[in-house]
PDB file of all heavy atoms in Angstrom:
ATOM      1  N   TYR A   1      54.486  15.390-259.257  1.00  0.00           N
ATOM      2  CA  TYR A   1      53.438  14.926-259.942  1.00  0.00           C
ATOM      3  C   TYR A   1      52.558  14.122-259.011  1.00  0.00           C
ATOM      4  O   TYR A   1      52.964  13.539-257.951  1.00  0.00           O
ATOM      5  CB  TYR A   1      53.912  13.962-261.058  1.00  0.00           C
ATOM      6  CG  TYR A   1      54.674  14.527-262.209  1.00  0.00           C
ATOM      7  CD1 TYR A   1      56.006  14.450-262.378  1.00  0.00           C
ATOM      8  CD2 TYR A   1      53.875  15.111-263.172  1.00  0.00           C
ATOM      9  CE1 TYR A   1      56.535  15.060-263.482  1.00  0.00           C
ATOM     10  CE2 TYR A   1      54.426  15.779-264.252  1.00  0.00           C
ATOM     11  CZ  TYR A   1      55.864  15.695-264.486  1.00  0.00           C
ATOM     12  OH  TYR A   1      56.380  16.266-265.544  1.00  0.00           O
ATOM     13  N   ILE A   2      51.240  14.094-259.287  1.00  0.00           N
ATOM     14  CA  ILE A   2      50.277  13.426-258.573  1.00  0.00           C
ATOM     15  C   ILE A   2      50.636  11.937-258.444  1.00  0.00           C
ATOM     16  O   ILE A   2      50.650  11.451-257.300  1.00  0.00           O
ATOM     17  CB  ILE A   2      48.857  13.581-259.091  1.00  0.00           C
ATOM     18  CG1 ILE A   2      48.444  15.080-259.009  1.00  0.00           C
ATOM     19  CG2 ILE A   2      47.850  12.657-258.250  1.00  0.00           C
ATOM     20  CD1 ILE A   2      47.066  15.309-259.680  1.00  0.00           C
ATOM     21  N   SER A   3      51.001  11.350-259.597  1.00  0.00           N
ATOM     22  CA  SER A   3      51.381   9.846-259.510  1.00  0.00           C
ATOM     23  C   SER A   3      52.647   9.715-258.788  1.00  0.00           C
ATOM     24  O   SER A   3      52.890   8.555-258.252  1.00  0.00           O
ATOM     25  CB  SER A   3      51.365   9.324-260.815  1.00  0.00           C
ATOM     26  OG  SER A   3      52.294  10.045-261.616  1.00  0.00           O
ATOM     27  N   ASP A   4      53.550  10.745-258.673  1.00  0.00           N
ATOM     28  CA  ASP A   4      54.832  10.500-257.949  1.00  0.00           C
ATOM     29  C   ASP A   4      54.550  10.178-256.404  1.00  0.00           C
ATOM     30  O   ASP A   4      55.303   9.533-255.734  1.00  0.00           O
ATOM     31  CB  ASP A   4      55.616  11.707-258.025  1.00  0.00           C
ATOM     32  CG  ASP A   4      56.415  11.662-259.388  1.00  0.00           C
ATOM     33  OD1 ASP A   4      56.197  10.742-260.229  1.00  0.00           O
ATOM     34  OD2 ASP A   4      57.160  12.728-259.706  1.00  0.00           O
ATOM     35  N   THR A   5      53.450  10.786-255.827  1.00  0.00           N
ATOM     36  CA  THR A   5      53.071  10.601-254.500  1.00  0.00           C
ATOM     37  C   THR A   5      52.531   9.189-254.255  1.00  0.00           C
ATOM     38  O   THR A   5      52.308   8.820-253.130  1.00  0.00           O
ATOM     39  CB  THR A   5      52.094  11.691-254.069  1.00  0.00           C
ATOM     40  OG1 THR A   5      50.825  11.488-254.765  1.00  0.00           O
ATOM     41  CG2 THR A   5      52.557  12.988-254.261  1.00  0.00           C
ATOM     42  N   GLY A   6      52.327   8.401-255.297  1.00  0.00           N
ATOM     43  CA  GLY A   6      51.896   7.104-255.142  1.00  0.00           C
ATOM     44  C   GLY A   6      52.789   6.062-255.784  1.00  0.00           C
ATOM     45  O   GLY A   6      52.408   5.056-256.369  1.00  0.00           O
ATOM     46  N   THR A   7      54.147   6.312-255.850  1.00  0.00           N
ATOM     47  CA  THR A   7      54.986   5.418-256.563  1.00  0.00           C
ATOM     48  C   THR A   7      55.810   4.466-255.648  1.00  0.00           C
ATOM     49  O   THR A   7      56.071   3.301-256.055  1.00  0.00           O
ATOM     50  CB  THR A   7      56.087   6.333-257.267  1.00  0.00           C
ATOM     51  OG1 THR A   7      55.410   7.182-258.239  1.00  0.00           O
ATOM     52  CG2 THR A   7      57.095   5.502-257.940  1.00  0.00           C
ATOM     53  N   ILE A   8      56.043   4.786-254.396  1.00  0.00           N
ATOM     54  CA  ILE A   8      56.872   4.070-253.478  1.00  0.00           C
ATOM     55  C   ILE A   8      56.009   3.657-252.392  1.00  0.00           C
ATOM     56  O   ILE A   8      55.112   4.380-251.916  1.00  0.00           O
ATOM     57  CB  ILE A   8      58.096   4.834-252.955  1.00  0.00           C
ATOM     58  CG1 ILE A   8      58.914   5.308-254.215  1.00  0.00           C
ATOM     59  CG2 ILE A   8      58.969   3.965-252.064  1.00  0.00           C
ATOM     60  CD1 ILE A   8      60.172   6.213-253.786  1.00  0.00           C
ATOM     61  N   ALA A   9      56.184   2.409-251.928  1.00  0.00           N
ATOM     62  CA  ALA A   9      55.587   1.843-250.680  1.00  0.00           C
ATOM     63  C   ALA A   9      55.907   2.709-249.485  1.00  0.00           C
ATOM     64  O   ALA A   9      57.132   3.163-249.385  1.00  0.00           O
ATOM     65  CB  ALA A   9      55.797   0.386-250.467  1.00  0.00           C
ATOM     66  N   PRO A  10      55.045   2.971-248.506  1.00  0.00           N
ATOM     67  CA  PRO A  10      53.790   2.454-248.355  1.00  0.00           C
ATOM     68  C   PRO A  10      52.599   3.259-249.082  1.00  0.00           C
ATOM     69  O   PRO A  10      51.444   2.907-249.140  1.00  0.00           O
ATOM     70  CB  PRO A  10      53.443   2.410-246.839  1.00  0.00           C
ATOM     71  CG  PRO A  10      54.308   3.623-246.408  1.00  0.00           C
ATOM     72  CD  PRO A  10      55.443   3.637-247.207  1.00  0.00           C
ATOM     73  N   GLU A  11      52.987   4.499-249.488  1.00  0.00           N
ATOM     74  CA  GLU A  11      51.953   5.432-250.035  1.00  0.00           C
ATOM     75  C   GLU A  11      51.377   4.896-251.340  1.00  0.00           C
ATOM     76  O   GLU A  11      50.182   5.151-251.513  1.00  0.00           O
ATOM     77  CB  GLU A  11      52.413   6.924-250.221  1.00  0.00           C
ATOM     78  CG  GLU A  11      53.667   6.823-251.160  1.00  0.00           C
ATOM     79  CD  GLU A  11      54.972   6.849-250.509  1.00  0.00           C
ATOM     80  OE1 GLU A  11      54.986   6.399-249.387  1.00  0.00           O
ATOM     81  OE2 GLU A  11      55.990   7.282-251.201  1.00  0.00           O
ATOM     82  N   LYS A  12      52.068   4.033-252.032  1.00  0.00           N
ATOM     83  CA  LYS A  12      51.471   3.525-253.211  1.00  0.00           C
ATOM     84  C   LYS A  12      50.402   2.583-253.113  1.00  0.00           C
ATOM     85  O   LYS A  12      49.475   2.438-253.943  1.00  0.00           O
ATOM     86  CB  LYS A  12      52.542   2.858-254.137  1.00  0.00           C
ATOM     87  CG  LYS A  12      53.032   1.482-253.736  1.00  0.00           C
ATOM     88  CD  LYS A  12      54.025   0.889-254.724  1.00  0.00           C
ATOM     89  CE  LYS A  12      54.431  -0.558-254.309  1.00  0.00           C
ATOM     90  NZ  LYS A  12      55.331  -1.157-255.261  1.00  0.00           N
ATOM     91  N   CYS A  13      50.363   1.802-251.932  1.00  0.00           N
ATOM     92  CA  CYS A  13      49.308   0.959-251.494  1.00  0.00           C
ATOM     93  C   CYS A  13      48.057   1.773-251.216  1.00  0.00           C
ATOM     94  O   CYS A  13      46.954   1.486-251.725  1.00  0.00           O
ATOM     95  CB  CYS A  13      49.723   0.163-250.259  1.00  0.00           C
ATOM     96  SG  CYS A  13      51.288  -0.792-250.512  1.00  0.00           S
ATOM     97  N   LEU A  14      48.280   2.879-250.460  1.00  0.00           N
ATOM     98  CA  LEU A  14      47.141   3.705-250.256  1.00  0.00           C
ATOM     99  C   LEU A  14      46.538   4.523-251.444  1.00  0.00           C
ATOM    100  O   LEU A  14      45.276   4.444-251.650  1.00  0.00           O
ATOM    101  CB  LEU A  14      47.489   4.774-249.039  1.00  0.00           C
ATOM    102  CG  LEU A  14      46.503   5.871-248.577  1.00  0.00           C
ATOM    103  CD1 LEU A  14      45.381   5.180-247.874  1.00  0.00           C
ATOM    104  CD2 LEU A  14      47.232   6.895-247.843  1.00  0.00           C
ATOM    105  N   PHE A  15      47.517   4.862-252.216  1.00  0.00           N
ATOM    106  CA  PHE A  15      47.075   5.634-253.566  1.00  0.00           C
ATOM    107  C   PHE A  15      46.328   4.693-254.396  1.00  0.00           C
ATOM    108  O   PHE A  15      45.234   5.085-254.958  1.00  0.00           O
ATOM    109  CB  PHE A  15      48.378   6.105-254.063  1.00  0.00           C
ATOM    110  CG  PHE A  15      48.151   6.889-255.368  1.00  0.00           C
ATOM    111  CD1 PHE A  15      47.888   8.284-255.356  1.00  0.00           C
ATOM    112  CD2 PHE A  15      48.320   6.410-256.690  1.00  0.00           C
ATOM    113  CE1 PHE A  15      47.684   9.043-256.423  1.00  0.00           C
ATOM    114  CE2 PHE A  15      48.113   7.164-257.701  1.00  0.00           C
ATOM    115  CZ  PHE A  15      47.786   8.439-257.623  1.00  0.00           C
ATOM    116  N   GLY A  16      46.885   3.549-254.654  1.00  0.00           N
ATOM    117  CA  GLY A  16      46.122   2.530-255.471  1.00  0.00           C
ATOM    118  C   GLY A  16      44.787   2.055-254.926  1.00  0.00           C
ATOM    119  O   GLY A  16      43.794   2.152-255.671  1.00  0.00           O
ATOM    120  N   ALA A  17      44.672   1.811-253.654  1.00  0.00           N
ATOM    121  CA  ALA A  17      43.429   1.322-253.117  1.00  0.00           C
ATOM    122  C   ALA A  17      42.363   2.423-253.117  1.00  0.00           C
ATOM    123  O   ALA A  17      41.133   2.138-253.565  1.00  0.00           O
ATOM    124  CB  ALA A  17      43.685   0.902-251.600  1.00  0.00           C
ATOM    125  N   MET A  18      42.666   3.657-252.776  1.00  0.00           N
ATOM    126  CA  MET A  18      41.781   4.706-252.813  1.00  0.00           C
ATOM    127  C   MET A  18      41.371   5.081-254.126  1.00  0.00           C
ATOM    128  O   MET A  18      40.074   5.407-254.447  1.00  0.00           O
ATOM    129  CB  MET A  18      42.324   5.942-252.019  1.00  0.00           C
ATOM    130  CG  MET A  18      42.553   5.681-250.480  1.00  0.00           C
ATOM    131  SD  MET A  18      42.967   7.239-249.590  1.00  0.00           S
ATOM    132  CE  MET A  18      41.385   8.058-249.538  1.00  0.00           C
ATOM    133  N   LEU A  19      42.200   5.184-255.129  1.00  0.00           N
ATOM    134  CA  LEU A  19      41.865   5.499-256.482  1.00  0.00           C
ATOM    135  C   LEU A  19      41.084   4.463-257.178  1.00  0.00           C
ATOM    136  O   LEU A  19      40.147   4.887-258.035  1.00  0.00           O
ATOM    137  CB  LEU A  19      43.041   5.791-257.256  1.00  0.00           C
ATOM    138  CG  LEU A  19      43.741   7.275-257.110  1.00  0.00           C
ATOM    139  CD1 LEU A  19      44.763   7.557-258.243  1.00  0.00           C
ATOM    140  CD2 LEU A  19      42.652   8.270-257.170  1.00  0.00           C
ATOM    141  N   ASN A  20      41.300   3.129-256.796  1.00  0.00           N
ATOM    142  CA  ASN A  20      40.376   2.131-257.367  1.00  0.00           C
ATOM    143  C   ASN A  20      38.939   2.383-256.905  1.00  0.00           C
ATOM    144  O   ASN A  20      38.040   2.288-257.721  1.00  0.00           O
ATOM    145  CB  ASN A  20      40.773   0.801-256.928  1.00  0.00           C
ATOM    146  CG  ASN A  20      41.996   0.286-257.716  1.00  0.00           C
ATOM    147  OD1 ASN A  20      42.123   0.594-258.844  1.00  0.00           O
ATOM    148  ND2 ASN A  20      42.911  -0.423-257.000  1.00  0.00           N
ATOM    149  N   PHE A  21      38.693   2.687-255.663  1.00  0.00           N
ATOM    150  CA  PHE A  21      37.397   3.128-255.255  1.00  0.00           C
ATOM    151  C   PHE A  21      36.839   4.376-255.849  1.00  0.00           C
ATOM    152  O   PHE A  21      35.616   4.519-256.101  1.00  0.00           O
ATOM    153  CB  PHE A  21      37.369   3.250-253.621  1.00  0.00           C
ATOM    154  CG  PHE A  21      36.008   3.296-253.099  1.00  0.00           C
ATOM    155  CD1 PHE A  21      34.985   2.203-253.277  1.00  0.00           C
ATOM    156  CD2 PHE A  21      35.562   4.466-252.490  1.00  0.00           C
ATOM    157  CE1 PHE A  21      33.793   2.299-252.717  1.00  0.00           C
ATOM    158  CE2 PHE A  21      34.318   4.560-252.008  1.00  0.00           C
ATOM    159  CZ  PHE A  21      33.472   3.472-252.058  1.00  0.00           C
ATOM    160  N   SER A  22      37.786   5.352-256.034  1.00  0.00           N
ATOM    161  CA  SER A  22      37.356   6.557-256.830  1.00  0.00           C
ATOM    162  C   SER A  22      36.832   6.162-258.233  1.00  0.00           C
ATOM    163  O   SER A  22      35.788   6.820-258.713  1.00  0.00           O
ATOM    164  CB  SER A  22      38.537   7.541-256.870  1.00  0.00           C
ATOM    165  OG  SER A  22      38.824   7.912-255.646  1.00  0.00           O
ATOM    166  N   ALA A  23      37.491   5.261-258.841  1.00  0.00           N
ATOM    167  CA  ALA A  23      37.005   4.877-260.217  1.00  0.00           C
ATOM    168  C   ALA A  23      35.662   4.295-260.178  1.00  0.00           C
ATOM    169  O   ALA A  23      34.684   4.456-261.041  1.00  0.00           O
ATOM    170  CB  ALA A  23      37.999   3.781-260.776  1.00  0.00           C
ATOM    171  N   VAL A  24      35.340   3.457-259.086  1.00  0.00           N
ATOM    172  CA  VAL A  24      33.957   2.923-258.959  1.00  0.00           C
ATOM    173  C   VAL A  24      32.982   4.020-258.706  1.00  0.00           C
ATOM    174  O   VAL A  24      31.939   4.060-259.419  1.00  0.00           O
ATOM    175  CB  VAL A  24      33.948   1.900-257.741  1.00  0.00           C
ATOM    176  CG1 VAL A  24      32.502   1.427-257.464  1.00  0.00           C
ATOM    177  CG2 VAL A  24      34.895   0.689-258.043  1.00  0.00           C
ATOM    178  N   LEU A  25      33.292   4.986-257.823  1.00  0.00           N
ATOM    179  CA  LEU A  25      32.390   6.087-257.639  1.00  0.00           C
ATOM    180  C   LEU A  25      32.166   6.962-258.924  1.00  0.00           C
ATOM    181  O   LEU A  25      31.131   7.414-259.166  1.00  0.00           O
ATOM    182  CB  LEU A  25      32.941   7.026-256.592  1.00  0.00           C
ATOM    183  CG  LEU A  25      32.976   6.555-255.131  1.00  0.00           C
ATOM    184  CD1 LEU A  25      33.665   7.481-254.213  1.00  0.00           C
ATOM    185  CD2 LEU A  25      31.481   6.318-254.616  1.00  0.00           C
ATOM    186  N   CYS A  26      33.269   7.061-259.724  1.00  0.00           N
ATOM    187  CA  CYS A  26      33.227   7.833-260.915  1.00  0.00           C
ATOM    188  C   CYS A  26      32.242   7.164-261.918  1.00  0.00           C
ATOM    189  O   CYS A  26      31.514   7.748-262.728  1.00  0.00           O
ATOM    190  CB  CYS A  26      34.585   8.026-261.474  1.00  0.00           C
ATOM    191  SG  CYS A  26      34.636   9.282-262.853  1.00  0.00           S
ATOM    192  N   ILE A  27      32.373   5.770-262.028  1.00  0.00           N
ATOM    193  CA  ILE A  27      31.562   5.046-263.009  1.00  0.00           C
ATOM    194  C   ILE A  27      29.975   5.238-262.544  1.00  0.00           C
ATOM    195  O   ILE A  27      29.177   5.401-263.352  1.00  0.00           O
ATOM    196  CB  ILE A  27      31.898   3.608-262.945  1.00  0.00           C
ATOM    197  CG1 ILE A  27      33.233   3.308-263.518  1.00  0.00           C
ATOM    198  CG2 ILE A  27      30.870   2.735-263.505  1.00  0.00           C
ATOM    199  CD1 ILE A  27      33.774   1.983-263.388  1.00  0.00           C
ATOM    200  N   ALA A  28      29.784   5.177-261.241  1.00  0.00           N
ATOM    201  CA  ALA A  28      28.340   5.259-260.774  1.00  0.00           C
ATOM    202  C   ALA A  28      27.983   6.701-261.071  1.00  0.00           C
ATOM    203  O   ALA A  28      26.802   6.887-261.583  1.00  0.00           O
ATOM    204  CB  ALA A  28      28.297   5.008-259.210  1.00  0.00           C
ATOM    205  N   THR A  29      28.723   7.727-260.878  1.00  0.00           N
ATOM    206  CA  THR A  29      28.367   9.089-261.114  1.00  0.00           C
ATOM    207  C   THR A  29      28.052   9.298-262.584  1.00  0.00           C
ATOM    208  O   THR A  29      27.018   9.942-263.073  1.00  0.00           O
ATOM    209  CB  THR A  29      29.474  10.037-260.645  1.00  0.00           C
ATOM    210  OG1 THR A  29      29.673   9.839-259.207  1.00  0.00           O
ATOM    211  CG2 THR A  29      29.059  11.505-261.006  1.00  0.00           C
ATOM    212  N   ILE A  30      28.903   8.844-263.527  1.00  0.00           N
ATOM    213  CA  ILE A  30      28.681   9.035-264.927  1.00  0.00           C
ATOM    214  C   ILE A  30      27.469   8.293-265.392  1.00  0.00           C
ATOM    215  O   ILE A  30      26.711   8.694-266.254  1.00  0.00           O
ATOM    216  CB  ILE A  30      29.984   8.479-265.680  1.00  0.00           C
ATOM    217  CG1 ILE A  30      31.157   9.520-265.340  1.00  0.00           C
ATOM    218  CG2 ILE A  30      29.737   8.210-267.118  1.00  0.00           C
ATOM    219  CD1 ILE A  30      32.504   9.019-265.822  1.00  0.00           C
ATOM    220  N   TYR A  31      27.199   7.085-264.810  1.00  0.00           N
ATOM    221  CA  TYR A  31      26.062   6.318-265.338  1.00  0.00           C
ATOM    222  C   TYR A  31      24.801   6.978-264.804  1.00  0.00           C
ATOM    223  O   TYR A  31      23.882   7.051-265.707  1.00  0.00           O
ATOM    224  CB  TYR A  31      26.097   4.916-264.624  1.00  0.00           C
ATOM    225  CG  TYR A  31      24.916   4.048-264.985  1.00  0.00           C
ATOM    226  CD1 TYR A  31      24.682   3.565-266.312  1.00  0.00           C
ATOM    227  CD2 TYR A  31      23.898   3.833-264.087  1.00  0.00           C
ATOM    228  CE1 TYR A  31      23.630   2.837-266.612  1.00  0.00           C
ATOM    229  CE2 TYR A  31      22.774   3.082-264.443  1.00  0.00           C
ATOM    230  CZ  TYR A  31      22.598   2.607-265.684  1.00  0.00           C
ATOM    231  OH  TYR A  31      21.546   1.752-265.961  1.00  0.00           O
ATOM    232  N   VAL A  32      24.721   7.602-263.610  1.00  0.00           N
ATOM    233  CA  VAL A  32      23.641   8.244-263.188  1.00  0.00           C
ATOM    234  C   VAL A  32      23.355   9.473-264.084  1.00  0.00           C
ATOM    235  O   VAL A  32      22.093   9.782-264.445  1.00  0.00           O
ATOM    236  CB  VAL A  32      23.691   8.668-261.736  1.00  0.00           C
ATOM    237  CG1 VAL A  32      22.561   9.540-261.176  1.00  0.00           C
ATOM    238  CG2 VAL A  32      23.636   7.492-260.761  1.00  0.00           C
ATOM    239  N   ARG A  33      24.353  10.189-264.269  1.00  0.00           N
ATOM    240  CA  ARG A  33      24.261  11.308-265.265  1.00  0.00           C
ATOM    241  C   ARG A  33      23.671  10.921-266.616  1.00  0.00           C
ATOM    242  O   ARG A  33      22.846  11.692-267.170  1.00  0.00           O
ATOM    243  CB  ARG A  33      25.624  12.082-265.351  1.00  0.00           C
ATOM    244  CG  ARG A  33      25.578  13.266-266.380  1.00  0.00           C
ATOM    245  CD  ARG A  33      24.688  14.351-265.891  1.00  0.00           C
ATOM    246  NE  ARG A  33      24.663  15.404-266.883  1.00  0.00           N
ATOM    247  CZ  ARG A  33      23.916  16.495-266.887  1.00  0.00           C
ATOM    248  NH1 ARG A  33      23.069  16.678-265.917  1.00  0.00           N
ATOM    249  NH2 ARG A  33      24.041  17.470-267.691  1.00  0.00           N
ATOM    250  N   TYR A  34      24.130   9.787-267.170  1.00  0.00           N
ATOM    251  CA  TYR A  34      23.710   9.397-268.326  1.00  0.00           C
ATOM    252  C   TYR A  34      22.198   8.995-268.339  1.00  0.00           C
ATOM    253  O   TYR A  34      21.395   9.441-269.205  1.00  0.00           O
ATOM    254  CB  TYR A  34      24.406   8.105-268.804  1.00  0.00           C
ATOM    255  CG  TYR A  34      23.790   7.213-269.891  1.00  0.00           C
ATOM    256  CD1 TYR A  34      23.834   7.588-271.163  1.00  0.00           C
ATOM    257  CD2 TYR A  34      23.100   6.108-269.616  1.00  0.00           C
ATOM    258  CE1 TYR A  34      23.244   6.942-272.221  1.00  0.00           C
ATOM    259  CE2 TYR A  34      22.494   5.348-270.637  1.00  0.00           C
ATOM    260  CZ  TYR A  34      22.628   5.768-271.972  1.00  0.00           C
ATOM    261  OH  TYR A  34      21.953   4.993-272.898  1.00  0.00           O
ATOM    262  N   LYS A  35      21.704   8.377-267.275  1.00  0.00           N
ATOM    263  CA  LYS A  35      20.317   7.958-267.111  1.00  0.00           C
ATOM    264  C   LYS A  35      19.421   9.232-266.832  1.00  0.00           C
ATOM    265  O   LYS A  35      18.355   9.360-267.454  1.00  0.00           O
ATOM    266  CB  LYS A  35      20.165   7.058-265.941  1.00  0.00           C
ATOM    267  CG  LYS A  35      20.775   5.672-266.113  1.00  0.00           C
ATOM    268  CD  LYS A  35      20.184   4.938-267.210  1.00  0.00           C
ATOM    269  CE  LYS A  35      18.796   4.394-266.874  1.00  0.00           C
ATOM    270  NZ  LYS A  35      18.273   3.508-267.957  1.00  0.00           N
ATOM    271  N   GLN A  36      19.996  10.283-266.193  1.00  0.00           N
ATOM    272  CA  GLN A  36      19.220  11.556-265.996  1.00  0.00           C
ATOM    273  C   GLN A  36      18.943  12.251-267.335  1.00  0.00           C
ATOM    274  O   GLN A  36      17.873  12.729-267.581  1.00  0.00           O
ATOM    275  CB  GLN A  36      19.932  12.359-264.980  1.00  0.00           C
ATOM    276  CG  GLN A  36      19.141  13.642-264.554  1.00  0.00           C
ATOM    277  CD  GLN A  36      19.856  14.476-263.513  1.00  0.00           C
ATOM    278  OE1 GLN A  36      21.086  14.674-263.668  1.00  0.00           O
ATOM    279  NE2 GLN A  36      19.158  14.899-262.563  1.00  0.00           N
ATOM    280  N   VAL A  37      20.098  12.378-268.111  1.00  0.00           N
ATOM    281  CA  VAL A  37      19.970  13.183-269.345  1.00  0.00           C
ATOM    282  C   VAL A  37      18.998  12.409-270.180  1.00  0.00           C
ATOM    283  O   VAL A  37      18.174  12.972-270.998  1.00  0.00           O
ATOM    284  CB  VAL A  37      21.315  13.372-270.063  1.00  0.00           C
ATOM    285  CG1 VAL A  37      21.155  13.876-271.422  1.00  0.00           C
ATOM    286  CG2 VAL A  37      22.208  14.247-269.157  1.00  0.00           C
ATOM    287  N   HIS A  38      19.035  11.014-270.303  1.00  0.00           N
ATOM    288  CA  HIS A  38      18.206  10.224-271.135  1.00  0.00           C
ATOM    289  C   HIS A  38      16.706  10.357-270.786  1.00  0.00           C
ATOM    290  O   HIS A  38      15.849  10.494-271.601  1.00  0.00           O
ATOM    291  CB  HIS A  38      18.742   8.700-271.066  1.00  0.00           C
ATOM    292  CG  HIS A  38      17.769   7.901-271.817  1.00  0.00           C
ATOM    293  ND1 HIS A  38      17.870   7.747-273.240  1.00  0.00           N
ATOM    294  CD2 HIS A  38      16.877   6.861-271.505  1.00  0.00           C
ATOM    295  CE1 HIS A  38      17.049   6.866-273.707  1.00  0.00           C
ATOM    296  NE2 HIS A  38      16.387   6.434-272.619  1.00  0.00           N
ATOM    297  N   ALA A  39      16.479  10.463-269.450  1.00  0.00           N
ATOM    298  CA  ALA A  39      15.209  10.390-268.963  1.00  0.00           C
ATOM    299  C   ALA A  39      14.532  11.808-269.300  1.00  0.00           C
ATOM    300  O   ALA A  39      13.326  12.024-269.519  1.00  0.00           O
ATOM    301  CB  ALA A  39      15.090  10.219-267.480  1.00  0.00           C
ATOM    302  N   LEU A  40      15.359  12.894-269.212  1.00  0.00           N
ATOM    303  CA  LEU A  40      14.946  14.218-269.437  1.00  0.00           C
ATOM    304  C   LEU A  40      14.730  14.534-270.968  1.00  0.00           C
ATOM    305  O   LEU A  40      13.982  15.431-271.231  1.00  0.00           O
ATOM    306  CB  LEU A  40      15.944  15.275-268.869  1.00  0.00           C
ATOM    307  CG  LEU A  40      15.966  15.300-267.324  1.00  0.00           C
ATOM    308  CD1 LEU A  40      17.186  16.199-266.888  1.00  0.00           C
ATOM    309  CD2 LEU A  40      14.647  15.804-266.668  1.00  0.00           C
ATOM    310  N   ASN A  41      15.409  13.821-271.795  1.00  0.00           N
ATOM    311  CA  ASN A  41      15.331  14.060-273.200  1.00  0.00           C
ATOM    312  C   ASN A  41      15.103  12.649-273.885  1.00  0.00           C
ATOM    313  O   ASN A  41      15.945  12.218-274.653  1.00  0.00           O
ATOM    314  CB  ASN A  41      16.515  14.637-273.703  1.00  0.00           C
ATOM    315  CG  ASN A  41      16.919  15.962-273.010  1.00  0.00           C
ATOM    316  OD1 ASN A  41      16.452  17.082-273.359  1.00  0.00           O
ATOM    317  ND2 ASN A  41      17.762  15.910-271.975  1.00  0.00           N
ATOM    318  N   PRO A  42      13.985  12.101-273.773  1.00  0.00           N
ATOM    319  CA  PRO A  42      13.676  10.734-274.292  1.00  0.00           C
ATOM    320  C   PRO A  42      13.585  10.718-275.863  1.00  0.00           C
ATOM    321  O   PRO A  42      13.848   9.752-276.476  1.00  0.00           O
ATOM    322  CB  PRO A  42      12.406  10.303-273.636  1.00  0.00           C
ATOM    323  CG  PRO A  42      11.614  11.551-273.312  1.00  0.00           C
ATOM    324  CD  PRO A  42      12.767  12.573-272.977  1.00  0.00           C
ATOM    325  N   GLU A  43      13.271  11.878-276.495  1.00  0.00           N
ATOM    326  CA  GLU A  43      13.005  11.939-277.840  1.00  0.00           C
ATOM    327  C   GLU A  43      13.992  12.775-278.679  1.00  0.00           C
ATOM    328  O   GLU A  43      13.887  12.920-279.900  1.00  0.00           O
ATOM    329  CB  GLU A  43      11.654  12.482-278.273  1.00  0.00           C
ATOM    330  CG  GLU A  43      10.527  11.624-277.566  1.00  0.00           C
ATOM    331  CD  GLU A  43       9.113  12.202-277.955  1.00  0.00           C
ATOM    332  OE1 GLU A  43       9.125  13.255-278.479  1.00  0.00           O
ATOM    333  OE2 GLU A  43       8.181  11.539-277.623  1.00  0.00           O
TER     334      GLU A  43
END
């Protein structure tokens, strides 16, 4: 399982830190997509 590779130290520290930043990048990507669709279809 993907999460099994981040269950035991030390890999869980790497897994957690990197995925937290992935969540930030994902939020930014989703927000930009939302703004783009909104700007292209205002009405």
